[in-house]
Amino acid sequence: MIWASMVEMKEITLEQFRRMGMRRTAVSSNGQEALEILKRLRLDRPVLIQGASRGLQVSLSRRIGKAFRDVEMRVDKKGKNRNIALLKKG
């Protein structure tokens, strides 16, 4: 593929670069909540989250897979209700 025909590149100064706004990565409310939960975990102190949504479960499992490898997650699903147990291993 030839990308040059689709975009136009132009050099700018460092001043112009620094004036441009930085885009923050969009994090959903479930993602923010999952991050807060994972940051508060203590070693060998299990935590139970009752009535968690599927979205929170997905956010937790993605965060655990990427950055919190020392956290173990177990899910007990009954109907639409989910209980999620988290344990930070030492």
PDB file of N, CA and C in Angstrom:
ATOM      1  N   MET A   1       0.833  -1.184   0.000  1.00  0.00           N
ATOM      2  CA  MET A   1       0.000   0.000   0.000  1.00  0.00           C
ATOM      3  C   MET A   1       0.877   1.246   0.000  1.00  0.00           C
ATOM      4  N   ILE A   2       0.419   2.242  -0.688  1.00  0.00           N
ATOM      5  CA  ILE A   2       1.134   3.502  -0.730  1.00  0.00           C
ATOM      6  C   ILE A   2       0.320   4.523   0.073  1.00  0.00           C
ATOM      7  N   TRP A   3       0.868   4.913   1.214  1.00  0.00           N
ATOM      8  CA  TRP A   3       0.168   5.854   2.092  1.00  0.00           C
ATOM      9  C   TRP A   3       0.461   7.302   1.714  1.00  0.00           C
ATOM     10  N   ALA A   4       1.533   7.533   1.010  1.00  0.00           N
ATOM     11  CA  ALA A   4       1.948   8.897   0.712  1.00  0.00           C
ATOM     12  C   ALA A   4       0.890   9.671  -0.071  1.00  0.00           C
ATOM     13  N   SER A   5       0.148   9.001  -0.904  1.00  0.00           N
ATOM     14  CA  SER A   5      -0.845   9.704  -1.700  1.00  0.00           C
ATOM     15  C   SER A   5      -2.074  10.089  -0.870  1.00  0.00           C
ATOM     16  N   MET A   6      -2.261   9.449   0.280  1.00  0.00           N
ATOM     17  CA  MET A   6      -3.441   9.735   1.107  1.00  0.00           C
ATOM     18  C   MET A   6      -3.203  10.842   2.127  1.00  0.00           C
ATOM     19  N   VAL A   7      -1.979  10.996   2.578  1.00  0.00           N
ATOM     20  CA  VAL A   7      -1.686  11.991   3.615  1.00  0.00           C
ATOM     21  C   VAL A   7      -0.608  12.943   3.142  1.00  0.00           C
ATOM     22  N   GLU A   8      -0.563  14.094   3.758  1.00  0.00           N
ATOM     23  CA  GLU A   8       0.465  15.075   3.441  1.00  0.00           C
ATOM     24  C   GLU A   8       1.280  15.322   4.700  1.00  0.00           C
ATOM     25  N   MET A   9       2.568  15.078   4.634  1.00  0.00           N
ATOM     26  CA  MET A   9       3.439  15.282   5.787  1.00  0.00           C
ATOM     27  C   MET A   9       4.132  16.627   5.666  1.00  0.00           C
ATOM     28  N   LYS A  10       4.279  17.295   6.814  1.00  0.00           N
ATOM     29  CA  LYS A  10       4.897  18.609   6.831  1.00  0.00           C
ATOM     30  C   LYS A  10       5.633  18.758   8.154  1.00  0.00           C
ATOM     31  N   GLU A  11       6.833  19.284   8.125  1.00  0.00           N
ATOM     32  CA  GLU A  11       7.595  19.482   9.357  1.00  0.00           C
ATOM     33  C   GLU A  11       7.053  20.680  10.122  1.00  0.00           C
ATOM     34  N   ILE A  12       7.031  20.537  11.464  1.00  0.00           N
ATOM     35  CA  ILE A  12       6.615  21.641  12.317  1.00  0.00           C
ATOM     36  C   ILE A  12       7.707  21.875  13.367  1.00  0.00           C
ATOM     37  N   THR A  13       7.637  23.002  14.024  1.00  0.00           N
ATOM     38  CA  THR A  13       8.632  23.296  15.061  1.00  0.00           C
ATOM     39  C   THR A  13       8.229  22.619  16.366  1.00  0.00           C
ATOM     40  N   LEU A  14       9.174  22.514  17.289  1.00  0.00           N
ATOM     41  CA  LEU A  14       8.882  21.950  18.604  1.00  0.00           C
ATOM     42  C   LEU A  14       7.839  22.791  19.338  1.00  0.00           C
ATOM     43  N   GLU A  15       7.880  24.087  19.147  1.00  0.00           N
ATOM     44  CA  GLU A  15       6.908  24.983  19.762  1.00  0.00           C
ATOM     45  C   GLU A  15       5.496  24.657  19.296  1.00  0.00           C
ATOM     46  N   GLN A  16       5.320  24.448  18.010  1.00  0.00           N
ATOM     47  CA  GLN A  16       4.017  24.097  17.457  1.00  0.00           C
ATOM     48  C   GLN A  16       3.558  22.740  17.994  1.00  0.00           C
ATOM     49  N   PHE A  17       4.493  21.829  18.101  1.00  0.00           N
ATOM     50  CA  PHE A  17       4.166  20.495  18.610  1.00  0.00           C
ATOM     51  C   PHE A  17       3.668  20.577  20.054  1.00  0.00           C
ATOM     52  N   ARG A  18       4.356  21.351  20.873  1.00  0.00           N
ATOM     53  CA  ARG A  18       3.997  21.456  22.288  1.00  0.00           C
ATOM     54  C   ARG A  18       2.671  22.175  22.502  1.00  0.00           C
ATOM     55  N   ARG A  19       2.309  23.059  21.574  1.00  0.00           N
ATOM     56  CA  ARG A  19       1.037  23.777  21.696  1.00  0.00           C
ATOM     57  C   ARG A  19      -0.161  22.897  21.357  1.00  0.00           C
ATOM     58  N   MET A  20       0.061  21.839  20.612  1.00  0.00           N
ATOM     59  CA  MET A  20      -1.044  20.954  20.221  1.00  0.00           C
ATOM     60  C   MET A  20      -1.546  20.198  21.441  1.00  0.00           C
ATOM     61  N   GLY A  21      -2.836  20.020  21.519  1.00  0.00           N
ATOM     62  CA  GLY A  21      -3.435  19.330  22.653  1.00  0.00           C
ATOM     63  C   GLY A  21      -3.113  17.842  22.665  1.00  0.00           C
ATOM     64  N   MET A  22      -2.999  17.317  23.879  1.00  0.00           N
ATOM     65  CA  MET A  22      -2.770  15.879  24.009  1.00  0.00           C
ATOM     66  C   MET A  22      -4.112  15.200  24.192  1.00  0.00           C
ATOM     67  N   ARG A  23      -4.332  14.137  23.478  1.00  0.00           N
ATOM     68  CA  ARG A  23      -5.585  13.405  23.584  1.00  0.00           C
ATOM     69  C   ARG A  23      -5.433  12.317  24.634  1.00  0.00           C
ATOM     70  N   ARG A  24      -6.301  12.356  25.629  1.00  0.00           N
ATOM     71  CA  ARG A  24      -6.303  11.300  26.629  1.00  0.00           C
ATOM     72  C   ARG A  24      -7.048  10.100  26.063  1.00  0.00           C
ATOM     73  N   THR A  25      -6.604   8.929  26.448  1.00  0.00           N
ATOM     74  CA  THR A  25      -7.301   7.744  25.981  1.00  0.00           C
ATOM     75  C   THR A  25      -8.647   7.657  26.684  1.00  0.00           C
ATOM     76  N   ALA A  26      -9.655   7.354  25.928  1.00  0.00           N
ATOM     77  CA  ALA A  26     -10.999   7.262  26.487  1.00  0.00           C
ATOM     78  C   ALA A  26     -11.133   5.988  27.308  1.00  0.00           C
ATOM     79  N   VAL A  27     -11.541   6.152  28.566  1.00  0.00           N
ATOM     80  CA  VAL A  27     -11.742   5.005  29.443  1.00  0.00           C
ATOM     81  C   VAL A  27     -13.184   5.042  29.900  1.00  0.00           C
ATOM     82  N   SER A  28     -13.878   3.924  29.756  1.00  0.00           N
ATOM     83  CA  SER A  28     -15.279   3.865  30.150  1.00  0.00           C
ATOM     84  C   SER A  28     -15.401   3.918  31.669  1.00  0.00           C
ATOM     85  N   SER A  29     -16.613   4.122  32.140  1.00  0.00           N
ATOM     86  CA  SER A  29     -16.824   4.161  33.593  1.00  0.00           C
ATOM     87  C   SER A  29     -16.495   2.807  34.211  1.00  0.00           C
ATOM     88  N   ASN A  30     -16.806   1.722  33.491  1.00  0.00           N
ATOM     89  CA  ASN A  30     -16.445   0.387  33.978  1.00  0.00           C
ATOM     90  C   ASN A  30     -14.935   0.231  34.054  1.00  0.00           C
ATOM     91  N   GLY A  31     -14.232   0.768  33.074  1.00  0.00           N
ATOM     92  CA  GLY A  31     -12.782   0.690  33.056  1.00  0.00           C
ATOM     93  C   GLY A  31     -12.159   1.460  34.206  1.00  0.00           C
ATOM     94  N   GLN A  32     -12.697   2.639  34.492  1.00  0.00           N
ATOM     95  CA  GLN A  32     -12.199   3.436  35.606  1.00  0.00           C
ATOM     96  C   GLN A  32     -12.463   2.738  36.934  1.00  0.00           C
ATOM     97  N   GLU A  33     -13.662   2.181  37.062  1.00  0.00           N
ATOM     98  CA  GLU A  33     -14.023   1.474  38.293  1.00  0.00           C
ATOM     99  C   GLU A  33     -13.134   0.250  38.494  1.00  0.00           C
ATOM    100  N   ALA A  34     -12.894  -0.490  37.423  1.00  0.00           N
ATOM    101  CA  ALA A  34     -12.031  -1.670  37.505  1.00  0.00           C
ATOM    102  C   ALA A  34     -10.619  -1.288  37.934  1.00  0.00           C
ATOM    103  N   LEU A  35     -10.102  -0.202  37.384  1.00  0.00           N
ATOM    104  CA  LEU A  35      -8.766   0.251  37.732  1.00  0.00           C
ATOM    105  C   LEU A  35      -8.679   0.645  39.201  1.00  0.00           C
ATOM    106  N   GLU A  36      -9.688   1.349  39.700  1.00  0.00           N
ATOM    107  CA  GLU A  36      -9.705   1.739  41.108  1.00  0.00           C
ATOM    108  C   GLU A  36      -9.749   0.514  42.028  1.00  0.00           C
ATOM    109  N   ILE A  37     -10.554  -0.467  41.658  1.00  0.00           N
ATOM    110  CA  ILE A  37     -10.656  -1.698  42.457  1.00  0.00           C
ATOM    111  C   ILE A  37      -9.311  -2.406  42.490  1.00  0.00           C
ATOM    112  N   LEU A  38      -8.676  -2.553  41.335  1.00  0.00           N
ATOM    113  CA  LEU A  38      -7.409  -3.282  41.264  1.00  0.00           C
ATOM    114  C   LEU A  38      -6.286  -2.559  42.004  1.00  0.00           C
ATOM    115  N   LYS A  39      -6.314  -1.233  42.010  1.00  0.00           N
ATOM    116  CA  LYS A  39      -5.280  -0.480  42.716  1.00  0.00           C
ATOM    117  C   LYS A  39      -5.411  -0.620  44.234  1.00  0.00           C
ATOM    118  N   ARG A  40      -6.628  -0.850  44.732  1.00  0.00           N
ATOM    119  CA  ARG A  40      -6.868  -0.921  46.173  1.00  0.00           C
ATOM    120  C   ARG A  40      -6.650  -2.312  46.766  1.00  0.00           C
ATOM    121  N   LEU A  41      -6.419  -3.307  45.934  1.00  0.00           N
ATOM    122  CA  LEU A  41      -6.238  -4.663  46.453  1.00  0.00           C
ATOM    123  C   LEU A  41      -4.981  -4.763  47.307  1.00  0.00           C
ATOM    124  N   ARG A  42      -5.064  -5.574  48.370  1.00  0.00           N
ATOM    125  CA  ARG A  42      -3.915  -5.810  49.235  1.00  0.00           C
ATOM    126  C   ARG A  42      -3.488  -7.262  49.102  1.00  0.00           C
ATOM    127  N   LEU A  43      -2.238  -7.508  49.390  1.00  0.00           N
ATOM    128  CA  LEU A  43      -1.696  -8.867  49.294  1.00  0.00           C
ATOM    129  C   LEU A  43      -2.446  -9.837  50.194  1.00  0.00           C
ATOM    130  N   ASP A  44      -2.796 -10.978  49.637  1.00  0.00           N
ATOM    131  CA  ASP A  44      -3.446 -12.082  50.356  1.00  0.00           C
ATOM    132  C   ASP A  44      -4.694 -11.664  51.123  1.00  0.00           C
ATOM    133  N   ARG A  45      -5.420 -10.652  50.627  1.00  0.00           N
ATOM    134  CA  ARG A  45      -6.683 -10.224  51.225  1.00  0.00           C
ATOM    135  C   ARG A  45      -7.759 -10.300  50.148  1.00  0.00           C
ATOM    136  N   PRO A  46      -8.501 -11.414  50.067  1.00  0.00           N
ATOM    137  CA  PRO A  46      -9.521 -11.559  49.020  1.00  0.00           C
ATOM    138  C   PRO A  46     -10.641 -10.524  49.153  1.00  0.00           C
ATOM    139  N   VAL A  47     -11.188 -10.124  48.012  1.00  0.00           N
ATOM    140  CA  VAL A  47     -12.277  -9.153  47.955  1.00  0.00           C
ATOM    141  C   VAL A  47     -13.400  -9.749  47.126  1.00  0.00           C
ATOM    142  N   LEU A  48     -14.656  -9.543  47.568  1.00  0.00           N
ATOM    143  CA  LEU A  48     -15.816 -10.026  46.828  1.00  0.00           C
ATOM    144  C   LEU A  48     -16.617  -8.835  46.328  1.00  0.00           C
ATOM    145  N   ILE A  49     -16.919  -8.838  45.031  1.00  0.00           N
ATOM    146  CA  ILE A  49     -17.756  -7.801  44.422  1.00  0.00           C
ATOM    147  C   ILE A  49     -19.076  -8.475  44.071  1.00  0.00           C
ATOM    148  N   GLN A  50     -20.141  -8.071  44.748  1.00  0.00           N
ATOM    149  CA  GLN A  50     -21.446  -8.691  44.525  1.00  0.00           C
ATOM    150  C   GLN A  50     -22.260  -7.894  43.521  1.00  0.00           C
ATOM    151  N   GLY A  51     -22.986  -8.593  42.669  1.00  0.00           N
ATOM    152  CA  GLY A  51     -23.869  -7.948  41.702  1.00  0.00           C
ATOM    153  C   GLY A  51     -23.145  -7.169  40.624  1.00  0.00           C
ATOM    154  N   ALA A  52     -21.984  -7.626  40.219  1.00  0.00           N
ATOM    155  CA  ALA A  52     -21.203  -6.931  39.194  1.00  0.00           C
ATOM    156  C   ALA A  52     -21.821  -7.148  37.809  1.00  0.00           C
ATOM    157  N   SER A  53     -21.657  -6.162  36.952  1.00  0.00           N
ATOM    158  CA  SER A  53     -22.166  -6.267  35.582  1.00  0.00           C
ATOM    159  C   SER A  53     -21.172  -7.032  34.713  1.00  0.00           C
ATOM    160  N   ARG A  54     -21.632  -7.441  33.545  1.00  0.00           N
ATOM    161  CA  ARG A  54     -20.758  -8.130  32.607  1.00  0.00           C
ATOM    162  C   ARG A  54     -19.646  -7.191  32.126  1.00  0.00           C
ATOM    163  N   GLY A  55     -19.996  -5.929  31.950  1.00  0.00           N
ATOM    164  CA  GLY A  55     -19.014  -4.942  31.511  1.00  0.00           C
ATOM    165  C   GLY A  55     -17.883  -4.778  32.507  1.00  0.00           C
ATOM    166  N   LEU A  56     -18.213  -4.780  33.795  1.00  0.00           N
ATOM    167  CA  LEU A  56     -17.179  -4.676  34.824  1.00  0.00           C
ATOM    168  C   LEU A  56     -16.303  -5.921  34.816  1.00  0.00           C
ATOM    169  N   GLN A  57     -16.937  -7.080  34.622  1.00  0.00           N
ATOM    170  CA  GLN A  57     -16.163  -8.326  34.556  1.00  0.00           C
ATOM    171  C   GLN A  57     -15.182  -8.290  33.392  1.00  0.00           C
ATOM    172  N   VAL A  58     -15.622  -7.823  32.251  1.00  0.00           N
ATOM    173  CA  VAL A  58     -14.766  -7.732  31.067  1.00  0.00           C
ATOM    174  C   VAL A  58     -13.619  -6.753  31.318  1.00  0.00           C
ATOM    175  N   SER A  59     -13.941  -5.594  31.887  1.00  0.00           N
ATOM    176  CA  SER A  59     -12.902  -4.600  32.174  1.00  0.00           C
ATOM    177  C   SER A  59     -11.868  -5.140  33.142  1.00  0.00           C
ATOM    178  N   LEU A  60     -12.330  -5.825  34.181  1.00  0.00           N
ATOM    179  CA  LEU A  60     -11.405  -6.409  35.148  1.00  0.00           C
ATOM    180  C   LEU A  60     -10.499  -7.439  34.495  1.00  0.00           C
ATOM    181  N   SER A  61     -11.076  -8.334  33.705  1.00  0.00           N
ATOM    182  CA  SER A  61     -10.263  -9.392  33.104  1.00  0.00           C
ATOM    183  C   SER A  61      -9.249  -8.828  32.109  1.00  0.00           C
ATOM    184  N   ARG A  62      -9.609  -7.775  31.386  1.00  0.00           N
ATOM    185  CA  ARG A  62      -8.657  -7.148  30.460  1.00  0.00           C
ATOM    186  C   ARG A  62      -7.515  -6.471  31.207  1.00  0.00           C
ATOM    187  N   ARG A  63      -7.858  -5.745  32.256  1.00  0.00           N
ATOM    188  CA  ARG A  63      -6.818  -5.073  33.049  1.00  0.00           C
ATOM    189  C   ARG A  63      -5.892  -6.081  33.720  1.00  0.00           C
ATOM    190  N   ILE A  64      -6.478  -7.156  34.242  1.00  0.00           N
ATOM    191  CA  ILE A  64      -5.673  -8.197  34.892  1.00  0.00           C
ATOM    192  C   ILE A  64      -4.732  -8.834  33.875  1.00  0.00           C
ATOM    193  N   GLY A  65      -5.225  -9.094  32.678  1.00  0.00           N
ATOM    194  CA  GLY A  65      -4.408  -9.701  31.637  1.00  0.00           C
ATOM    195  C   GLY A  65      -3.265  -8.821  31.172  1.00  0.00           C
ATOM    196  N   LYS A  66      -3.458  -7.505  31.207  1.00  0.00           N
ATOM    197  CA  LYS A  66      -2.437  -6.588  30.696  1.00  0.00           C
ATOM    198  C   LYS A  66      -1.464  -6.116  31.772  1.00  0.00           C
ATOM    199  N   ALA A  67      -1.994  -5.631  32.889  1.00  0.00           N
ATOM    200  CA  ALA A  67      -1.118  -4.939  33.837  1.00  0.00           C
ATOM    201  C   ALA A  67      -1.103  -5.509  35.248  1.00  0.00           C
ATOM    202  N   PHE A  68      -2.087  -6.292  35.607  1.00  0.00           N
ATOM    203  CA  PHE A  68      -2.179  -6.796  36.974  1.00  0.00           C
ATOM    204  C   PHE A  68      -2.104  -8.327  36.961  1.00  0.00           C
ATOM    205  N   ARG A  69      -0.986  -8.852  36.497  1.00  0.00           N
ATOM    206  CA  ARG A  69      -0.817 -10.298  36.342  1.00  0.00           C
ATOM    207  C   ARG A  69      -0.824 -11.050  37.664  1.00  0.00           C
ATOM    208  N   ASP A  70      -0.585 -10.351  38.771  1.00  0.00           N
ATOM    209  CA  ASP A  70      -0.520 -11.002  40.071  1.00  0.00           C
ATOM    210  C   ASP A  70      -1.889 -11.105  40.747  1.00  0.00           C
ATOM    211  N   VAL A  71      -2.961 -10.736  40.036  1.00  0.00           N
ATOM    212  CA  VAL A  71      -4.315 -10.801  40.590  1.00  0.00           C
ATOM    213  C   VAL A  71      -5.041 -12.003  39.994  1.00  0.00           C
ATOM    214  N   GLU A  72      -5.685 -12.769  40.879  1.00  0.00           N
ATOM    215  CA  GLU A  72      -6.478 -13.927  40.452  1.00  0.00           C
ATOM    216  C   GLU A  72      -7.951 -13.551  40.562  1.00  0.00           C
ATOM    217  N   MET A  73      -8.730 -13.885  39.528  1.00  0.00           N
ATOM    218  CA  MET A  73     -10.151 -13.546  39.508  1.00  0.00           C
ATOM    219  C   MET A  73     -10.981 -14.813  39.357  1.00  0.00           C
ATOM    220  N   ARG A  74     -12.030 -14.904  40.171  1.00  0.00           N
ATOM    221  CA  ARG A  74     -12.982 -16.011  40.049  1.00  0.00           C
ATOM    222  C   ARG A  74     -14.384 -15.425  39.984  1.00  0.00           C
ATOM    223  N   VAL A  75     -15.219 -16.024  39.121  1.00  0.00           N
ATOM    224  CA  VAL A  75     -16.565 -15.493  38.898  1.00  0.00           C
ATOM    225  C   VAL A  75     -17.598 -16.568  39.204  1.00  0.00           C
ATOM    226  N   ASP A  76     -18.610 -16.187  39.984  1.00  0.00           N
ATOM    227  CA  ASP A  76     -19.742 -17.056  40.281  1.00  0.00           C
ATOM    228  C   ASP A  76     -20.970 -16.392  39.675  1.00  0.00           C
ATOM    229  N   LYS A  77     -21.523 -17.007  38.633  1.00  0.00           N
ATOM    230  CA  LYS A  77     -22.630 -16.395  37.903  1.00  0.00           C
ATOM    231  C   LYS A  77     -23.917 -17.164  38.170  1.00  0.00           C
ATOM    232  N   LYS A  78     -24.927 -16.435  38.620  1.00  0.00           N
ATOM    233  CA  LYS A  78     -26.254 -17.015  38.825  1.00  0.00           C
ATOM    234  C   LYS A  78     -27.264 -16.087  38.184  1.00  0.00           C
ATOM    235  N   GLY A  79     -27.777 -16.480  37.032  1.00  0.00           N
ATOM    236  CA  GLY A  79     -28.695 -15.614  36.303  1.00  0.00           C
ATOM    237  C   GLY A  79     -27.963 -14.396  35.777  1.00  0.00           C
ATOM    238  N   LYS A  80     -28.515 -13.214  36.070  1.00  0.00           N
ATOM    239  CA  LYS A  80     -27.858 -11.980  35.630  1.00  0.00           C
ATOM    240  C   LYS A  80     -26.898 -11.450  36.684  1.00  0.00           C
ATOM    241  N   ASN A  81     -26.962 -12.008  37.877  1.00  0.00           N
ATOM    242  CA  ASN A  81     -26.074 -11.552  38.952  1.00  0.00           C
ATOM    243  C   ASN A  81     -24.738 -12.273  38.892  1.00  0.00           C
ATOM    244  N   ARG A  82     -23.686 -11.513  39.093  1.00  0.00           N
ATOM    245  CA  ARG A  82     -22.335 -12.079  39.104  1.00  0.00           C
ATOM    246  C   ARG A  82     -21.653 -11.663  40.395  1.00  0.00           C
ATOM    247  N   ASN A  83     -20.987 -12.607  40.991  1.00  0.00           N
ATOM    248  CA  ASN A  83     -20.134 -12.318  42.132  1.00  0.00           C
ATOM    249  C   ASN A  83     -18.708 -12.562  41.675  1.00  0.00           C
ATOM    250  N   ILE A  84     -17.868 -11.553  41.844  1.00  0.00           N
ATOM    251  CA  ILE A  84     -16.486 -11.637  41.398  1.00  0.00           C
ATOM    252  C   ILE A  84     -15.578 -11.596  42.622  1.00  0.00           C
ATOM    253  N   ALA A  85     -14.734 -12.613  42.747  1.00  0.00           N
ATOM    254  CA  ALA A  85     -13.764 -12.642  43.834  1.00  0.00           C
ATOM    255  C   ALA A  85     -12.379 -12.334  43.268  1.00  0.00           C
ATOM    256  N   LEU A  86     -11.656 -11.443  43.942  1.00  0.00           N
ATOM    257  CA  LEU A  86     -10.318 -11.045  43.500  1.00  0.00           C
ATOM    258  C   LEU A  86      -9.316 -11.295  44.610  1.00  0.00           C
ATOM    259  N   LEU A  87      -8.152 -11.781  44.239  1.00  0.00           N
ATOM    260  CA  LEU A  87      -7.081 -12.030  45.200  1.00  0.00           C
ATOM    261  C   LEU A  87      -5.763 -11.602  44.585  1.00  0.00           C
ATOM    262  N   LYS A  88      -5.059 -10.726  45.299  1.00  0.00           N
ATOM    263  CA  LYS A  88      -3.717 -10.312  44.861  1.00  0.00           C
ATOM    264  C   LYS A  88      -2.718 -11.250  45.514  1.00  0.00           C
ATOM    265  N   LYS A  89      -1.994 -11.987  44.670  1.00  0.00           N
ATOM    266  CA  LYS A  89      -1.042 -12.976  45.174  1.00  0.00           C
ATOM    267  C   LYS A  89       0.306 -12.324  45.485  1.00  0.00           C
ATOM    268  N   GLY A  90       0.940 -12.842  46.518  1.00  0.00           N
ATOM    269  CA  GLY A  90       2.211 -12.255  46.943  1.00  0.00           C
ATOM    270  C   GLY A  90       3.425 -12.977  46.474  1.00  0.00           C
TER     271      GLY A  90
END
